[in-house]
N, C-alpha and C. Protein backbone atom coordinates (compact mmCIF):
# COMPACT_ATOMS: atom_id res chain seq x y z
N UNK A 1 -11.00 15.64 -0.46
CA UNK A 1 -9.79 14.41 -1.18
C UNK A 1 -9.16 15.21 -2.29
N UNK A 2 -10.30 15.53 -2.96
CA UNK A 2 -9.99 16.21 -4.36
C UNK A 2 -9.01 17.44 -4.32
N UNK A 3 -8.76 18.11 -3.43
CA UNK A 3 -7.39 19.18 -3.20
C UNK A 3 -6.23 18.44 -3.06
N UNK A 4 -6.19 17.22 -2.45
CA UNK A 4 -5.26 16.63 -2.62
C UNK A 4 -4.45 15.91 -3.69
N UNK A 5 -5.52 15.85 -4.89
CA UNK A 5 -5.29 14.98 -6.04
C UNK A 5 -4.83 16.30 -7.16
N UNK A 6 -4.95 17.51 -6.66
CA UNK A 6 -4.64 18.25 -7.81
C UNK A 6 -3.24 18.46 -8.53
N UNK A 7 -3.30 18.46 -9.39
CA UNK A 7 -1.63 18.25 -10.25
C UNK A 7 -1.13 17.03 -10.59
N UNK A 8 -1.81 15.87 -10.02
CA UNK A 8 -1.44 14.60 -9.82
C UNK A 8 -1.48 13.87 -11.35
N UNK A 9 -1.05 12.54 -11.61
CA UNK A 9 -0.96 11.98 -13.03
C UNK A 9 -2.21 11.09 -12.46
N UNK A 10 -2.66 10.65 -13.65
CA UNK A 10 -4.00 9.64 -13.14
C UNK A 10 -3.78 8.64 -14.45
N UNK A 11 -3.83 7.61 -13.94
CA UNK A 11 -4.29 6.43 -14.75
C UNK A 11 -5.19 5.89 -14.67
N UNK A 12 -6.43 5.52 -15.38
CA UNK A 12 -7.71 4.70 -15.33
C UNK A 12 -7.27 3.08 -16.11
N UNK A 13 -8.38 2.65 -15.48
CA UNK A 13 -8.25 1.40 -16.08
C UNK A 13 -7.25 0.30 -15.24
N UNK A 14 -7.52 -1.03 -15.15
CA UNK A 14 -7.09 -2.12 -14.63
C UNK A 14 -5.62 -1.77 -14.87
N UNK A 15 -5.05 -2.13 -16.16
CA UNK A 15 -3.75 -2.29 -16.54
C UNK A 15 -2.77 -1.51 -16.12
N UNK A 16 -3.35 0.11 -16.63
CA UNK A 16 -2.62 1.49 -16.34
C UNK A 16 -2.56 1.53 -15.11
N UNK A 17 -3.62 1.59 -14.43
CA UNK A 17 -3.45 1.70 -13.06
C UNK A 17 -2.64 1.05 -12.16
N UNK A 18 -2.28 -0.54 -12.43
CA UNK A 18 -1.53 -1.29 -11.86
C UNK A 18 -0.18 -0.76 -12.18
N UNK A 19 0.12 -0.59 -13.46
CA UNK A 19 1.72 0.07 -13.99
C UNK A 19 1.87 1.14 -13.16
N UNK A 20 1.09 1.97 -12.61
CA UNK A 20 1.36 2.88 -11.91
C UNK A 20 1.75 3.07 -10.77
N UNK A 21 0.79 2.19 -10.12
CA UNK A 21 0.88 1.49 -8.82
C UNK A 21 2.18 0.72 -8.44
N UNK A 22 2.75 0.19 -9.56
CA UNK A 22 3.71 -0.84 -9.57
C UNK A 22 5.33 0.16 -9.48
N UNK A 23 4.91 0.95 -10.67
CA UNK A 23 6.40 1.58 -10.63
C UNK A 23 6.34 2.54 -9.36
N UNK A 24 5.32 3.08 -8.98
CA UNK A 24 5.94 3.95 -7.49
C UNK A 24 6.35 3.20 -6.38
N UNK A 25 5.63 1.80 -6.41
CA UNK A 25 6.36 1.26 -4.94
C UNK A 25 7.77 0.98 -5.75
N UNK A 26 8.22 0.49 -6.83
CA UNK A 26 9.60 0.36 -7.32
C UNK A 26 10.44 1.75 -7.11
N UNK A 27 9.74 2.86 -7.35
CA UNK A 27 10.42 3.96 -7.34
C UNK A 27 10.97 4.53 -5.80
N UNK A 28 9.87 4.11 -4.94
CA UNK A 28 10.01 4.43 -3.30
C UNK A 28 10.46 3.54 -2.61
N UNK A 29 11.28 1.95 -3.30
CA UNK A 29 12.08 1.19 -2.81
C UNK A 29 10.94 0.21 -1.77
N UNK A 30 9.76 0.48 -2.42
CA UNK A 30 8.89 -0.41 -1.45
C UNK A 30 8.43 -1.90 -2.01
N UNK A 31 8.40 -2.87 -1.50
CA UNK A 31 7.95 -4.35 -2.14
C UNK A 31 7.16 -4.50 -3.20
N UNK A 32 7.27 -5.07 -4.38
CA UNK A 32 6.42 -5.23 -5.34
C UNK A 32 5.02 -5.66 -5.13
N UNK A 33 4.76 -6.57 -4.13
CA UNK A 33 3.77 -7.48 -3.72
C UNK A 33 2.91 -6.73 -2.96
N UNK A 34 3.27 -5.52 -2.36
CA UNK A 34 2.74 -4.94 -1.17
C UNK A 34 1.19 -4.35 -1.17
N UNK A 35 0.60 -3.82 -2.77
CA UNK A 35 -0.41 -3.90 -3.20
C UNK A 35 -1.36 -4.49 -4.00
N UNK A 36 -1.68 -5.95 -3.67
CA UNK A 36 -2.39 -6.58 -4.44
C UNK A 36 -3.47 -6.34 -4.85
N UNK A 37 -3.63 -5.76 -6.16
CA UNK A 37 -4.91 -5.03 -6.50
C UNK A 37 -5.91 -5.70 -7.81
N UNK A 38 -7.08 -5.72 -7.59
CA UNK A 38 -8.00 -6.28 -8.78
C UNK A 38 -9.03 -5.32 -9.26
N UNK A 39 -9.25 -5.39 -10.31
CA UNK A 39 -10.36 -4.41 -10.54
C UNK A 39 -10.02 -3.09 -10.73
N UNK A 40 -8.56 -2.61 -10.95
CA UNK A 40 -8.31 -1.01 -10.70
C UNK A 40 -9.33 -0.01 -11.68
N UNK A 41 -10.04 0.45 -11.22
CA UNK A 41 -10.62 1.69 -12.05
C UNK A 41 -9.54 2.67 -12.01
N UNK A 42 -9.08 3.54 -10.94
CA UNK A 42 -7.71 4.60 -11.38
C UNK A 42 -6.76 4.51 -10.28
N UNK A 43 -5.58 5.05 -10.95
CA UNK A 43 -4.55 5.09 -9.80
C UNK A 43 -4.05 6.33 -9.93
N UNK A 44 -3.69 7.19 -8.87
CA UNK A 44 -3.12 8.50 -9.09
C UNK A 44 -2.04 9.10 -8.15
N UNK A 45 -1.60 9.88 -8.77
CA UNK A 45 0.02 10.40 -7.68
C UNK A 45 0.23 12.14 -7.95
N UNK A 46 0.38 12.50 -6.66
CA UNK A 46 0.90 13.67 -7.02
C UNK A 46 2.15 13.78 -6.48
N UNK A 47 3.12 14.15 -7.52
CA UNK A 47 4.67 14.23 -7.09
C UNK A 47 5.28 15.23 -6.00
N UNK A 48 4.25 16.35 -6.33
CA UNK A 48 4.50 17.47 -5.35
C UNK A 48 4.41 17.28 -3.80
N UNK A 49 3.51 16.28 -3.47
CA UNK A 49 3.29 16.11 -2.03
C UNK A 49 3.36 14.44 -1.61
N UNK A 50 3.36 13.85 -2.85
CA UNK A 50 3.47 12.18 -2.77
C UNK A 50 2.11 11.63 -2.15
N UNK A 51 1.30 12.44 -2.29
CA UNK A 51 -0.35 11.84 -2.39
C UNK A 51 -0.22 10.87 -3.44
N UNK A 52 -0.71 9.68 -3.01
CA UNK A 52 -1.30 8.64 -4.07
C UNK A 52 -2.59 8.45 -3.52
N UNK A 53 -3.48 7.67 -4.59
CA UNK A 53 -4.67 7.05 -4.39
C UNK A 53 -4.93 5.81 -5.37
N UNK A 54 -5.56 4.74 -4.66
CA UNK A 54 -5.77 3.92 -5.57
C UNK A 54 -7.73 3.47 -5.64
N UNK A 55 -8.12 3.27 -6.89
CA UNK A 55 -9.75 3.08 -6.69
C UNK A 55 -9.89 1.54 -7.11
N UNK A 56 -10.39 0.70 -6.92
CA UNK A 56 -10.75 -0.76 -6.99
C UNK A 56 -12.63 -0.99 -7.11
N UNK A 57 -12.72 -1.59 -8.02
CA UNK A 57 -14.08 -2.02 -7.82
C UNK A 57 -14.83 -2.22 -6.75
N UNK A 58 -13.92 -2.98 -6.17
CA UNK A 58 -14.39 -3.98 -4.56
C UNK A 58 -13.32 -4.08 -3.54
N UNK A 59 -13.72 -4.34 -2.40
CA UNK A 59 -12.70 -4.60 -1.35
C UNK A 59 -12.08 -5.73 -1.87
N UNK A 60 -10.32 -5.91 -1.59
CA UNK A 60 -9.84 -7.02 -1.97
C UNK A 60 -9.18 -7.62 -0.20
N UNK A 61 -9.24 -8.90 -0.33
CA UNK A 61 -8.79 -9.43 1.06
C UNK A 61 -7.67 -10.46 -0.06
N UNK A 62 -6.34 -10.12 0.77
CA UNK A 62 -5.10 -11.28 0.29
C UNK A 62 -4.52 -11.75 1.19
N UNK A 63 -4.19 -12.72 1.11
CA UNK A 63 -3.09 -13.49 2.37
C UNK A 63 -1.75 -13.34 1.72
N UNK A 64 -0.91 -13.33 2.85
CA UNK A 64 0.35 -13.17 2.53
C UNK A 64 0.79 -14.32 3.15
N UNK A 65 1.14 -15.49 2.19
CA UNK A 65 1.20 -17.04 2.92
C UNK A 65 2.53 -16.94 3.73
N UNK A 66 3.65 -16.36 3.19
CA UNK A 66 4.97 -16.53 3.82
C UNK A 66 4.69 -16.15 5.37
N UNK A 67 3.79 -15.30 5.49
CA UNK A 67 3.65 -14.61 7.21
C UNK A 67 2.20 -15.27 7.75
N UNK A 68 1.78 -15.73 6.94
CA UNK A 68 0.11 -16.03 7.55
C UNK A 68 -0.49 -14.98 7.64
N UNK A 69 -0.72 -13.74 7.14
CA UNK A 69 -1.39 -12.76 7.14
C UNK A 69 -2.16 -12.54 6.32
N UNK A 70 -3.63 -12.34 6.59
CA UNK A 70 -4.37 -11.53 5.68
C UNK A 70 -5.12 -10.19 5.74
N UNK A 71 -4.78 -9.61 4.75
CA UNK A 71 -4.66 -8.12 4.56
C UNK A 71 -6.00 -7.79 3.82
N UNK A 72 -6.76 -6.65 3.98
CA UNK A 72 -7.92 -6.65 3.50
C UNK A 72 -7.51 -4.94 3.11
N UNK A 73 -7.86 -4.78 1.58
CA UNK A 73 -7.56 -3.61 0.97
C UNK A 73 -9.05 -2.92 0.47
N UNK A 74 -9.30 -1.79 0.77
CA UNK A 74 -10.66 -0.82 0.81
C UNK A 74 -10.97 -0.46 -0.97
N UNK A 75 -11.96 -0.40 -1.22
CA UNK A 75 -12.18 -0.22 -2.63
C UNK A 75 -11.29 1.10 -3.00
N UNK A 76 -11.06 2.12 -1.84
CA UNK A 76 -10.29 3.45 -2.23
C UNK A 76 -9.36 3.28 -0.95
N UNK A 77 -7.78 3.45 -1.76
CA UNK A 77 -6.76 3.26 -0.79
C UNK A 77 -6.02 4.73 -1.27
N UNK A 78 -5.59 5.44 0.08
CA UNK A 78 -5.04 6.68 -0.14
C UNK A 78 -3.89 6.53 0.95
N UNK A 79 -2.99 7.45 0.60
CA UNK A 79 -1.51 7.57 1.67
C UNK A 79 -0.60 8.89 0.96
N UNK A 80 0.40 8.85 1.68
CA UNK A 80 1.57 9.47 1.33
C UNK A 80 2.85 8.85 1.09
N UNK A 81 3.10 8.72 -0.22
CA UNK A 81 4.34 7.76 -0.43
C UNK A 81 5.48 8.47 -0.32
N UNK A 82 6.50 7.81 0.07
CA UNK A 82 7.90 8.32 -0.21
C UNK A 82 9.01 7.82 0.09
N UNK A 83 10.47 7.89 0.10
CA UNK A 83 11.45 6.71 -0.08
C UNK A 83 11.03 5.83 0.98
N UNK A 84 11.16 4.38 0.71
CA UNK A 84 10.92 3.45 2.26
C UNK A 84 9.64 3.68 2.91
N UNK A 85 8.73 4.40 2.57
CA UNK A 85 7.53 4.48 3.54
C UNK A 85 6.33 5.00 2.78
N UNK A 86 5.14 4.57 3.63
CA UNK A 86 3.79 5.18 3.24
C UNK A 86 3.19 5.47 4.48
N UNK A 87 2.70 6.73 4.50
CA UNK A 87 2.20 7.21 5.68
C UNK A 87 0.57 7.85 5.61
N UNK A 88 0.10 8.17 6.65
CA UNK A 88 -1.32 8.36 6.45
C UNK A 88 -1.91 7.67 5.79
N UNK A 89 -1.65 6.24 5.98
CA UNK A 89 -2.26 5.60 4.86
C UNK A 89 -4.02 5.08 5.30
N UNK A 90 -4.62 4.86 4.42
CA UNK A 90 -6.16 4.55 4.63
C UNK A 90 -6.68 3.87 3.81
N UNK A 91 -7.29 2.88 4.38
CA UNK A 91 -8.24 1.81 3.22
C UNK A 91 -7.13 0.62 3.72
N UNK A 92 -6.12 0.28 4.49
CA UNK A 92 -5.69 -1.13 4.35
C UNK A 92 -5.74 -1.69 5.92
N UNK A 93 -6.16 -2.68 6.10
CA UNK A 93 -6.37 -3.06 7.34
C UNK A 93 -5.53 -4.53 7.40
N UNK A 94 -5.12 -4.77 8.37
CA UNK A 94 -4.34 -6.13 8.49
C UNK A 94 -5.10 -7.02 10.02
N UNK A 95 -5.66 -8.17 9.71
CA UNK A 95 -6.15 -9.06 10.71
C UNK A 95 -5.25 -9.44 11.63
N UNK A 96 -5.88 -9.22 12.87
CA UNK A 96 -4.90 -9.62 14.15
C UNK A 96 -5.66 -10.30 15.14
N UNK A 97 -5.90 -11.25 15.16
CA UNK A 97 -6.71 -12.42 16.01
C UNK A 97 -8.18 -12.29 15.43
N UNK A 98 -9.07 -11.44 15.95
CA UNK A 98 -10.34 -11.32 15.43
C UNK A 98 -10.30 -10.03 15.23
N UNK A 99 -9.87 -8.98 15.54
CA UNK A 99 -9.70 -7.55 14.89
C UNK A 99 -9.05 -7.07 13.36
N UNK A 100 -9.53 -6.35 12.73
CA UNK A 100 -9.19 -5.61 11.64
C UNK A 100 -8.37 -4.05 12.21
N UNK A 101 -7.61 -4.23 12.75
CA UNK A 101 -6.92 -2.92 13.06
C UNK A 101 -6.61 -1.95 11.51
N UNK A 102 -6.78 -0.96 11.31
CA UNK A 102 -6.31 0.11 9.87
C UNK A 102 -4.67 0.24 10.11
N UNK A 103 -4.16 -0.07 9.06
CA UNK A 103 -3.01 0.05 8.85
C UNK A 103 -2.39 1.63 8.44
N UNK A 104 -1.82 2.36 9.49
CA UNK A 104 -1.71 3.60 9.22
C UNK A 104 -0.16 4.39 8.59
N UNK A 105 0.53 3.16 8.70
CA UNK A 105 2.06 3.47 8.37
C UNK A 105 2.95 2.04 7.64
N UNK A 106 4.05 2.59 6.85
CA UNK A 106 4.61 1.23 6.07
C UNK A 106 5.74 1.76 5.84
N UNK A 107 6.82 1.29 6.72
CA UNK A 107 8.29 1.70 6.55
C UNK A 107 9.11 0.73 6.41
N UNK A 108 9.98 0.69 5.64
CA UNK A 108 11.26 -0.27 5.74
C UNK A 108 12.76 0.69 6.28
N UNK A 109 13.58 -0.54 6.62
CA UNK A 109 14.69 0.30 7.54
C UNK A 109 15.56 1.07 6.41
N UNK A 110 16.29 1.89 6.64
CA UNK A 110 17.23 2.55 6.19
C UNK A 110 18.15 2.61 6.94
N UNK A 111 19.69 2.01 6.36
CA UNK A 111 19.86 1.34 5.46
C UNK A 111 18.84 -0.19 5.25
N UNK A 112 18.67 -0.64 4.48
CA UNK A 112 17.71 -2.26 4.57
C UNK A 112 18.26 -3.33 5.20
N UNK A 113 17.28 -3.75 6.23
CA UNK A 113 17.79 -4.89 6.93
C UNK A 113 16.89 -6.03 6.41
N UNK A 114 16.27 -5.49 5.75
CA UNK A 114 15.40 -6.74 5.06
C UNK A 114 13.97 -6.98 5.82
N UNK A 115 13.71 -5.71 6.60
CA UNK A 115 12.76 -5.85 7.41
C UNK A 115 11.51 -4.56 7.10
N UNK A 116 10.44 -5.04 7.01
CA UNK A 116 9.40 -4.21 7.06
C UNK A 116 8.46 -4.01 7.87
N UNK A 117 8.24 -2.48 8.27
CA UNK A 117 7.18 -2.35 9.51
C UNK A 117 5.73 -1.69 9.39
N UNK A 118 4.54 -2.41 9.68
CA UNK A 118 3.50 -1.96 9.45
C UNK A 118 3.07 -1.22 11.17
N UNK A 119 2.80 0.16 10.84
CA UNK A 119 2.07 0.49 12.08
C UNK A 119 0.38 0.93 12.38
N UNK A 120 0.01 0.36 13.16
CA UNK A 120 -1.56 0.62 13.10
C UNK A 120 -1.89 1.90 13.95
N UNK A 121 -3.06 2.61 13.53
CA UNK A 121 -3.50 3.59 14.55
C UNK A 121 -3.29 3.55 15.59
N UNK A 122 -3.62 2.29 16.79
CA UNK A 122 -3.55 1.87 17.87
C UNK A 122 -2.59 2.10 18.40
N UNK A 123 -1.31 2.16 17.35
CA UNK A 123 0.50 2.26 17.98
C UNK A 123 0.99 0.83 17.97
N UNK A 124 0.02 -0.24 17.41
CA UNK A 124 0.93 -1.10 17.57
C UNK A 124 1.68 -1.37 16.04
N UNK A 125 3.05 -2.12 16.59
CA UNK A 125 3.92 -2.00 15.15
C UNK A 125 4.12 -3.28 14.92
N UNK A 126 4.28 -3.85 13.70
CA UNK A 126 4.39 -5.10 13.53
C UNK A 126 5.50 -5.33 12.33
N UNK A 127 6.74 -6.24 12.74
CA UNK A 127 7.77 -6.47 11.65
C UNK A 127 7.59 -7.38 10.86
N UNK A 128 7.93 -7.46 9.76
CA UNK A 128 8.05 -8.72 8.64
C UNK A 128 9.21 -8.82 7.91
N UNK A 129 9.30 -10.02 7.30
CA UNK A 129 10.61 -9.72 6.26
C UNK A 129 9.88 -9.28 4.92
N UNK A 130 10.91 -8.37 4.35
CA UNK A 130 10.23 -7.71 3.10
C UNK A 130 10.09 -8.85 2.04
N UNK A 131 10.79 -9.85 1.94
CA UNK A 131 10.42 -11.03 0.99
C UNK A 131 8.94 -11.48 1.06
N UNK A 132 7.94 -11.18 2.21
CA UNK A 132 7.07 -11.78 2.12
C UNK A 132 5.88 -10.60 1.42
N UNK A 133 6.08 -10.04 0.97
CA UNK A 133 5.42 -9.14 -0.04
C UNK A 133 6.34 -8.78 -1.52
N UNK A 134 7.01 -9.78 -1.70
CA UNK A 134 7.69 -9.84 -3.27
C UNK A 134 6.61 -9.95 -3.92
N UNK A 135 6.41 -9.51 -5.36
CA UNK A 135 5.48 -9.62 -6.26
C UNK A 135 4.90 -10.94 -6.62
N UNK A 136 5.90 -11.80 -6.35
CA UNK A 136 5.18 -13.27 -6.54
C UNK A 136 4.82 -14.08 -5.19
N UNK A 137 4.19 -13.40 -4.37
CA UNK A 137 3.76 -13.85 -3.04
C UNK A 137 2.21 -13.54 -2.97
């Protein structure tokens, strides 16, 4: 993992880490509430590759009320972020009936349609309204 982090900017601590995570989501056109973080230890980003990582003290579960979806965020989340998408995502799982399939990719439509798509490693894609992931949700 460390080789992916080379040349990256790193913000330590909850406040600075959360700021960096939010600014990355905004910069790449992703909804601000996509990563509800708690007790952030560090957030990093390598502009050359788009690699990002987030380290939190513990796993966080968040319920997106608008779509009644429970999502689990591991203590370490990694992925490659670029315009309207995060791919090779690790550390995020969405509850599906009794299972917790890992989410491997998040994509927004281009041009925007108000929809966001979550793809799991099992090849299942779920589509939701983008506003379900607004910062105030």
